[in-house]
Amino acid sequence: MAMTLTQDEALGRPNCLEVDLGAIAYNTGLTRKMAGPDTRIFAALKANAYGFGLVEVARTVLTAGADALAMVDVEDAIELREHGIRAPILLYAGNLATNAFARAIEQYDLIPSVVDADAAMAYSYLVSRPIKTFVKVDVGLERNGTPAESTLDLIKVVCDLPHLKVEGVYTHMHMPAEGGTEDYMQWQYDRFIGALKRLRDEKIDVPVQMAASSSILRMTGGMMLNAIDPGHVLYGLTPPGPAKLAIPFQPAFRALKSRLVQVKEIRRTDFVEQAPFDIKGVHRMGVFPMGRADGIAALNCGQVLLHGRRARMLGRPSLEHSRVDLTAIPEAAAGDEVVIIGSQGQAELSLHEVMAHQGMERDLALALEVRSSVRRAYSR
């Protein structure tokens, strides 16, 4: 399958994360089928699209059926606008209402989240024209957001301000890993529905109403309202909480690879005990240029693939390099492909094996551990 790189492959170290944009498109399309044609999809692209690459993922999800994008960092939103992406962009709660932030909202046509009256008044004062806003409601996560029972009061304040228009109201629910999940989720959802009812009773129309993210989508189809903001499922990741619905999402994390940059014999006979790794039985070793600064400490299972065979890593990774035992692979040479996660020939080092080695219970966004020093390569 053809790969395209984000920069010239001849430059820099030969490390890359292979991302399956076809899987992301498939997952977005599947989410669209679940949601139906009338439910708006705000694709969550937090943290560089969960590590998979902001611009390429944004284009993919919008082409595959998403209506809008959502993220926290205003710098990410600006980058999308500068790459010609014109879709609505919701900025999740987590930014201060500063003059610079207000200027960015106006210049790049972004939608900020309001969590209290002080922030709302600051936005209204700082901007020079009417802007759309979303109000974030806290129903149980105990994080950003106005308490559900205070939503009406806050939205009344926002509606009275000269430069703000409430375009949407949303919440992120707390999904525990286990124990009474359904009752707990219903309690949170009911708090949000109660807030919406109080708005209707006051004849306040808020066009976008959103409560369901990835965890909710895997548990029930009954909490979608008229908008959803999936994140994990778009990348084939497992969000917290139980899965009541069998949905065949596909992983976007295809492979993590490097190449050998040196191969050498081990002939050390002095100070053997002081060696940086146990050299007993190691007669030949290789070095590949991916280290702790690139995220490999959280991304390996103690082995890599070379020539379709497993080879153990030697010692701890250094800042920018790792060692591998080549004693049993005498044909290995500089330039050979090293697979840290993925397949090579008939052999495979899976995400699940890495998670088990790292003590992870579910596939958290492993791509987030792949630092920006590693190129992203895309397949479709």
Foldseek 3Di string as FASTA:
>chain_A
DDKDWPDDCVDDFNWAFEFELVLLLVLLLLVCVLQDDQAAEAAECELCLLLQHLQSSVVSNVVSDHQHYEYADLVSLVVNVVVPDLGAYEHEPDDALDLVVLVSCVVSVHEYEDAALVRLQSSLVNHDAAHEYEAEEEQAPPDGHHHLVCLVVRVVSNVPRDRYDHQYYEYEDDQAQDDPRVVRVVSSLVSNVVSVVVCVVVVHDHPYYEYAEDQNSQDDSPRGGRYYHYRQLSQPWDDGHDGPDDDPRDHRRAFIKGWWAFKDFDDDDPPCVVDQFNCVVFGMKTKTFAFVLQLVVLQALQWKDFPQDIWGWTHHGDNTMTMTRCPVPVVGGTGTMITRAHGDVPDGDHPVSSCVSNVHPTDRSSSSSRDPSHIYMYDD
